[in-house]
Structures are given as structure tokens and as C-alpha cells.
Amino acid sequence: TERGALLKYTVKELMKNHPGKTISHLDELRDPVQRTFCLVVAVESLRKAGATEEADEWARAIGE
């Protein structure tokens, strides 16, 4: 759970500065569990930033 909290914090911070690059890199993660977890956090960040259309697209892509 500590690792999950660290991953969540890291993704949120990256999304603040480089959302497009961050999502592209997360999408390339090989571990499907980490990939999905991080992309869910990224989608949450997009929604909070008001980018609902992009968030909805990524949510569909990851089956959320």
C-alpha cells in the first residue's frame, strides 16, 4: 500500500506538468496491474483538471 501511495503521488505530480507525455509513458508500462493503476490515477487527474473528454477517452481505453 505504501508503494501504491507513492505511485499515485508520482503520477499526480507528473500529470500537473506533462499530462500528454505522462499518459503516453504509462500506456507503455509492461506490467498490466501497474499500467491500469497508474492510468486510473491519470484519468482522475485529467477529470480534476477539467479535461473530461480526454479523461473519458482514456477511461474507455482502460475499461473503466
PDB file of N, CA and C in Angstrom:
ATOM      1  N   THR A   1       0.820  -1.203   0.000  1.00  0.00           N
ATOM      2  CA  THR A   1       0.000   0.000   0.000  1.00  0.00           C
ATOM      3  C   THR A   1       0.860   1.262   0.000  1.00  0.00           C
ATOM      4  N   GLU A   2       2.019   1.168   0.634  1.00  0.00           N
ATOM      5  CA  GLU A   2       2.930   2.319   0.616  1.00  0.00           C
ATOM      6  C   GLU A   2       3.421   2.587  -0.801  1.00  0.00           C
ATOM      7  N   ARG A   3       3.687   1.503  -1.519  1.00  0.00           N
ATOM      8  CA  ARG A   3       4.124   1.640  -2.907  1.00  0.00           C
ATOM      9  C   ARG A   3       3.013   2.239  -3.765  1.00  0.00           C
ATOM     10  N   GLY A   4       1.777   1.814  -3.516  1.00  0.00           N
ATOM     11  CA  GLY A   4       0.634   2.360  -4.245  1.00  0.00           C
ATOM     12  C   GLY A   4       0.463   3.843  -3.995  1.00  0.00           C
ATOM     13  N   ALA A   5       0.654   4.250  -2.750  1.00  0.00           N
ATOM     14  CA  ALA A   5       0.543   5.673  -2.414  1.00  0.00           C
ATOM     15  C   ALA A   5       1.632   6.475  -3.109  1.00  0.00           C
ATOM     16  N   LEU A   6       2.826   5.916  -3.166  1.00  0.00           N
ATOM     17  CA  LEU A   6       3.938   6.591  -3.838  1.00  0.00           C
ATOM     18  C   LEU A   6       3.679   6.691  -5.339  1.00  0.00           C
ATOM     19  N   LEU A   7       3.206   5.615  -5.947  1.00  0.00           N
ATOM     20  CA  LEU A   7       2.880   5.645  -7.381  1.00  0.00           C
ATOM     21  C   LEU A   7       1.788   6.674  -7.668  1.00  0.00           C
ATOM     22  N   LYS A   8       0.768   6.687  -6.829  1.00  0.00           N
ATOM     23  CA  LYS A   8      -0.339   7.631  -7.025  1.00  0.00           C
ATOM     24  C   LYS A   8       0.163   9.072  -6.937  1.00  0.00           C
ATOM     25  N   TYR A   9       0.973   9.366  -5.940  1.00  0.00           N
ATOM     26  CA  TYR A   9       1.522  10.707  -5.774  1.00  0.00           C
ATOM     27  C   TYR A   9       2.376  11.088  -6.989  1.00  0.00           C
ATOM     28  N   THR A  10       3.224  10.180  -7.416  1.00  0.00           N
ATOM     29  CA  THR A  10       4.122  10.445  -8.552  1.00  0.00           C
ATOM     30  C   THR A  10       3.333  10.736  -9.821  1.00  0.00           C
ATOM     31  N   VAL A  11       2.336   9.912 -10.101  1.00  0.00           N
ATOM     32  CA  VAL A  11       1.533  10.117 -11.311  1.00  0.00           C
ATOM     33  C   VAL A  11       0.816  11.461 -11.251  1.00  0.00           C
ATOM     34  N   LYS A  12       0.234  11.793 -10.095  1.00  0.00           N
ATOM     35  CA  LYS A  12      -0.467  13.073  -9.966  1.00  0.00           C
ATOM     36  C   LYS A  12       0.484  14.244 -10.202  1.00  0.00           C
ATOM     37  N   GLU A  13       1.684  14.173  -9.671  1.00  0.00           N
ATOM     38  CA  GLU A  13       2.661  15.247  -9.871  1.00  0.00           C
ATOM     39  C   GLU A  13       3.075  15.352 -11.334  1.00  0.00           C
ATOM     40  N   LEU A  14       3.305  14.221 -11.980  1.00  0.00           N
ATOM     41  CA  LEU A  14       3.673  14.238 -13.398  1.00  0.00           C
ATOM     42  C   LEU A  14       2.541  14.788 -14.255  1.00  0.00           C
ATOM     43  N   MET A  15       1.319  14.464 -13.895  1.00  0.00           N
ATOM     44  CA  MET A  15       0.167  14.943 -14.664  1.00  0.00           C
ATOM     45  C   MET A  15       0.013  16.455 -14.579  1.00  0.00           C
ATOM     46  N   LYS A  16       0.477  17.049 -13.514  1.00  0.00           N
ATOM     47  CA  LYS A  16       0.390  18.508 -13.372  1.00  0.00           C
ATOM     48  C   LYS A  16       1.242  19.217 -14.413  1.00  0.00           C
ATOM     49  N   ASN A  17       2.393  18.660 -14.720  1.00  0.00           N
ATOM     50  CA  ASN A  17       3.348  19.332 -15.593  1.00  0.00           C
ATOM     51  C   ASN A  17       3.370  18.808 -17.028  1.00  0.00           C
ATOM     52  N   HIS A  18       3.179  17.520 -17.195  1.00  0.00           N
ATOM     53  CA  HIS A  18       3.306  16.907 -18.522  1.00  0.00           C
ATOM     54  C   HIS A  18       2.245  15.833 -18.742  1.00  0.00           C
ATOM     55  N   PRO A  19       0.977  16.210 -18.815  1.00  0.00           N
ATOM     56  CA  PRO A  19      -0.066  15.182 -18.905  1.00  0.00           C
ATOM     57  C   PRO A  19       0.032  14.288 -20.138  1.00  0.00           C
ATOM     58  N   GLY A  20       0.280  14.859 -21.286  1.00  0.00           N
ATOM     59  CA  GLY A  20       0.355  14.057 -22.512  1.00  0.00           C
ATOM     60  C   GLY A  20       1.494  13.062 -22.493  1.00  0.00           C
ATOM     61  N   LYS A  21       2.674  13.535 -22.132  1.00  0.00           N
ATOM     62  CA  LYS A  21       3.832  12.650 -22.059  1.00  0.00           C
ATOM     63  C   LYS A  21       3.651  11.587 -20.987  1.00  0.00           C
ATOM     64  N   THR A  22       3.081  11.987 -19.856  1.00  0.00           N
ATOM     65  CA  THR A  22       2.889  11.052 -18.755  1.00  0.00           C
ATOM     66  C   THR A  22       1.985   9.903 -19.179  1.00  0.00           C
ATOM     67  N   ILE A  23       0.852  10.226 -19.780  1.00  0.00           N
ATOM     68  CA  ILE A  23      -0.076   9.176 -20.201  1.00  0.00           C
ATOM     69  C   ILE A  23       0.562   8.281 -21.251  1.00  0.00           C
ATOM     70  N   SER A  24       1.295   8.851 -22.181  1.00  0.00           N
ATOM     71  CA  SER A  24       1.957   8.040 -23.202  1.00  0.00           C
ATOM     72  C   SER A  24       2.930   7.046 -22.576  1.00  0.00           C
ATOM     73  N   HIS A  25       3.690   7.507 -21.603  1.00  0.00           N
ATOM     74  CA  HIS A  25       4.647   6.611 -20.935  1.00  0.00           C
ATOM     75  C   HIS A  25       3.927   5.556 -20.099  1.00  0.00           C
ATOM     76  N   LEU A  26       2.873   5.955 -19.408  1.00  0.00           N
ATOM     77  CA  LEU A  26       2.123   4.993 -18.597  1.00  0.00           C
ATOM     78  C   LEU A  26       1.488   3.920 -19.476  1.00  0.00           C
ATOM     79  N   ASP A  27       1.030   4.304 -20.643  1.00  0.00           N
ATOM     80  CA  ASP A  27       0.393   3.361 -21.561  1.00  0.00           C
ATOM     81  C   ASP A  27       1.367   2.295 -22.031  1.00  0.00           C
ATOM     82  N   GLU A  28       2.662   2.572 -21.960  1.00  0.00           N
ATOM     83  CA  GLU A  28       3.681   1.626 -22.406  1.00  0.00           C
ATOM     84  C   GLU A  28       4.206   0.718 -21.297  1.00  0.00           C
ATOM     85  N   LEU A  29       3.705   0.884 -20.070  1.00  0.00           N
ATOM     86  CA  LEU A  29       4.151   0.025 -18.971  1.00  0.00           C
ATOM     87  C   LEU A  29       3.838  -1.430 -19.306  1.00  0.00           C
ATOM     88  N   ARG A  30       4.761  -2.305 -19.009  1.00  0.00           N
ATOM     89  CA  ARG A  30       4.590  -3.723 -19.343  1.00  0.00           C
ATOM     90  C   ARG A  30       3.748  -4.476 -18.313  1.00  0.00           C
ATOM     91  N   ASP A  31       3.824  -4.072 -17.070  1.00  0.00           N
ATOM     92  CA  ASP A  31       3.059  -4.731 -16.016  1.00  0.00           C
ATOM     93  C   ASP A  31       1.607  -4.250 -16.100  1.00  0.00           C
ATOM     94  N   PRO A  32       0.672  -5.136 -16.447  1.00  0.00           N
ATOM     95  CA  PRO A  32      -0.712  -4.692 -16.647  1.00  0.00           C
ATOM     96  C   PRO A  32      -1.368  -4.131 -15.389  1.00  0.00           C
ATOM     97  N   VAL A  33      -1.009  -4.638 -14.229  1.00  0.00           N
ATOM     98  CA  VAL A  33      -1.592  -4.135 -12.989  1.00  0.00           C
ATOM     99  C   VAL A  33      -1.118  -2.713 -12.720  1.00  0.00           C
ATOM    100  N   GLN A  34       0.193  -2.481 -12.835  1.00  0.00           N
ATOM    101  CA  GLN A  34       0.726  -1.135 -12.632  1.00  0.00           C
ATOM    102  C   GLN A  34       0.210  -0.188 -13.697  1.00  0.00           C
ATOM    103  N   ARG A  35       0.137  -0.655 -14.935  1.00  0.00           N
ATOM    104  CA  ARG A  35      -0.340   0.179 -16.044  1.00  0.00           C
ATOM    105  C   ARG A  35      -1.756   0.666 -15.750  1.00  0.00           C
ATOM    106  N   THR A  36      -2.646  -0.258 -15.409  1.00  0.00           N
ATOM    107  CA  THR A  36      -4.032   0.112 -15.138  1.00  0.00           C
ATOM    108  C   THR A  36      -4.131   1.037 -13.938  1.00  0.00           C
ATOM    109  N   PHE A  37      -3.427   0.718 -12.859  1.00  0.00           N
ATOM    110  CA  PHE A  37      -3.454   1.551 -11.658  1.00  0.00           C
ATOM    111  C   PHE A  37      -3.033   2.980 -11.983  1.00  0.00           C
ATOM    112  N   CYS A  38      -1.912   3.110 -12.668  1.00  0.00           N
ATOM    113  CA  CYS A  38      -1.387   4.443 -12.984  1.00  0.00           C
ATOM    114  C   CYS A  38      -2.293   5.194 -13.951  1.00  0.00           C
ATOM    115  N   LEU A  39      -2.855   4.500 -14.927  1.00  0.00           N
ATOM    116  CA  LEU A  39      -3.756   5.164 -15.867  1.00  0.00           C
ATOM    117  C   LEU A  39      -5.054   5.605 -15.189  1.00  0.00           C
ATOM    118  N   VAL A  40      -5.530   4.844 -14.215  1.00  0.00           N
ATOM    119  CA  VAL A  40      -6.716   5.262 -13.467  1.00  0.00           C
ATOM    120  C   VAL A  40      -6.425   6.563 -12.720  1.00  0.00           C
ATOM    121  N   VAL A  41      -5.247   6.650 -12.114  1.00  0.00           N
ATOM    122  CA  VAL A  41      -4.844   7.882 -11.415  1.00  0.00           C
ATOM    123  C   VAL A  41      -4.743   9.027 -12.419  1.00  0.00           C
ATOM    124  N   ALA A  42      -4.183   8.751 -13.584  1.00  0.00           N
ATOM    125  CA  ALA A  42      -4.049   9.783 -14.620  1.00  0.00           C
ATOM    126  C   ALA A  42      -5.420  10.276 -15.077  1.00  0.00           C
ATOM    127  N   VAL A  43      -6.370   9.363 -15.231  1.00  0.00           N
ATOM    128  CA  VAL A  43      -7.731   9.735 -15.631  1.00  0.00           C
ATOM    129  C   VAL A  43      -8.357  10.626 -14.560  1.00  0.00           C
ATOM    130  N   GLU A  44      -8.169  10.261 -13.300  1.00  0.00           N
ATOM    131  CA  GLU A  44      -8.684  11.099 -12.203  1.00  0.00           C
ATOM    132  C   GLU A  44      -8.090  12.504 -12.279  1.00  0.00           C
ATOM    133  N   SER A  45      -6.799  12.580 -12.570  1.00  0.00           N
ATOM    134  CA  SER A  45      -6.124  13.873 -12.660  1.00  0.00           C
ATOM    135  C   SER A  45      -6.675  14.698 -13.817  1.00  0.00           C
ATOM    136  N   LEU A  46      -6.921  14.047 -14.945  1.00  0.00           N
ATOM    137  CA  LEU A  46      -7.491  14.753 -16.091  1.00  0.00           C
ATOM    138  C   LEU A  46      -8.874  15.308 -15.751  1.00  0.00           C
ATOM    139  N   ARG A  47      -9.666  14.515 -15.080  1.00  0.00           N
ATOM    140  CA  ARG A  47     -11.006  14.974 -14.704  1.00  0.00           C
ATOM    141  C   ARG A  47     -10.938  16.169 -13.760  1.00  0.00           C
ATOM    142  N   LYS A  48     -10.034  16.113 -12.803  1.00  0.00           N
ATOM    143  CA  LYS A  48      -9.880  17.230 -11.862  1.00  0.00           C
ATOM    144  C   LYS A  48      -9.419  18.497 -12.570  1.00  0.00           C
ATOM    145  N   ALA A  49      -8.646  18.331 -13.644  1.00  0.00           N
ATOM    146  CA  ALA A  49      -8.148  19.474 -14.395  1.00  0.00           C
ATOM    147  C   ALA A  49      -9.185  19.996 -15.386  1.00  0.00           C
ATOM    148  N   GLY A  50     -10.315  19.304 -15.496  1.00  0.00           N
ATOM    149  CA  GLY A  50     -11.365  19.752 -16.403  1.00  0.00           C
ATOM    150  C   GLY A  50     -11.270  19.192 -17.806  1.00  0.00           C
ATOM    151  N   ALA A  51     -10.365  18.273 -18.032  1.00  0.00           N
ATOM    152  CA  ALA A  51     -10.193  17.666 -19.354  1.00  0.00           C
ATOM    153  C   ALA A  51     -11.056  16.400 -19.437  1.00  0.00           C
ATOM    154  N   THR A  52     -12.364  16.596 -19.341  1.00  0.00           N
ATOM    155  CA  THR A  52     -13.259  15.444 -19.249  1.00  0.00           C
ATOM    156  C   THR A  52     -13.314  14.608 -20.520  1.00  0.00           C
ATOM    157  N   GLU A  53     -13.211  15.242 -21.662  1.00  0.00           N
ATOM    158  CA  GLU A  53     -13.256  14.482 -22.917  1.00  0.00           C
ATOM    159  C   GLU A  53     -12.076  13.528 -23.011  1.00  0.00           C
ATOM    160  N   GLU A  54     -10.869  14.032 -22.723  1.00  0.00           N
ATOM    161  CA  GLU A  54      -9.680  13.190 -22.741  1.00  0.00           C
ATOM    162  C   GLU A  54      -9.764  12.109 -21.670  1.00  0.00           C
ATOM    163  N   ALA A  55     -10.265  12.479 -20.496  1.00  0.00           N
ATOM    164  CA  ALA A  55     -10.409  11.513 -19.407  1.00  0.00           C
ATOM    165  C   ALA A  55     -11.357  10.392 -19.808  1.00  0.00           C
ATOM    166  N   ASP A  56     -12.461  10.748 -20.434  1.00  0.00           N
ATOM    167  CA  ASP A  56     -13.431   9.738 -20.864  1.00  0.00           C
ATOM    168  C   ASP A  56     -12.836   8.797 -21.906  1.00  0.00           C
ATOM    169  N   GLU A  57     -12.041   9.342 -22.827  1.00  0.00           N
ATOM    170  CA  GLU A  57     -11.392   8.516 -23.846  1.00  0.00           C
ATOM    171  C   GLU A  57     -10.455   7.499 -23.202  1.00  0.00           C
ATOM    172  N   TRP A  58      -9.632   7.962 -22.272  1.00  0.00           N
ATOM    173  CA  TRP A  58      -8.700   7.054 -21.604  1.00  0.00           C
ATOM    174  C   TRP A  58      -9.428   6.073 -20.708  1.00  0.00           C
ATOM    175  N   ALA A  59     -10.490   6.502 -20.064  1.00  0.00           N
ATOM    176  CA  ALA A  59     -11.265   5.586 -19.215  1.00  0.00           C
ATOM    177  C   ALA A  59     -11.833   4.440 -20.057  1.00  0.00           C
ATOM    178  N   ARG A  60     -12.332   4.767 -21.237  1.00  0.00           N
ATOM    179  CA  ARG A  60     -12.828   3.717 -22.129  1.00  0.00           C
ATOM    180  C   ARG A  60     -11.692   2.798 -22.565  1.00  0.00           C
ATOM    181  N   ALA A  61     -10.534   3.361 -22.850  1.00  0.00           N
ATOM    182  CA  ALA A  61      -9.394   2.575 -23.321  1.00  0.00           C
ATOM    183  C   ALA A  61      -8.916   1.576 -22.274  1.00  0.00           C
ATOM    184  N   ILE A  62      -9.050   1.932 -21.012  1.00  0.00           N
ATOM    185  CA  ILE A  62      -8.586   1.016 -19.957  1.00  0.00           C
ATOM    186  C   ILE A  62      -9.736   0.215 -19.357  1.00  0.00           C
ATOM    187  N   GLY A  63     -10.927   0.381 -19.924  1.00  0.00           N
ATOM    188  CA  GLY A  63     -12.074  -0.385 -19.475  1.00  0.00           C
ATOM    189  C   GLY A  63     -12.651   0.055 -18.155  1.00  0.00           C
ATOM    190  N   GLU A  64     -12.493   1.326 -17.833  1.00  0.00           N
ATOM    191  CA  GLU A  64     -13.007   1.862 -16.565  1.00  0.00           C
ATOM    192  C   GLU A  64     -14.460   2.215 -16.685  1.00  0.00           C
TER     193      GLU A  64
END
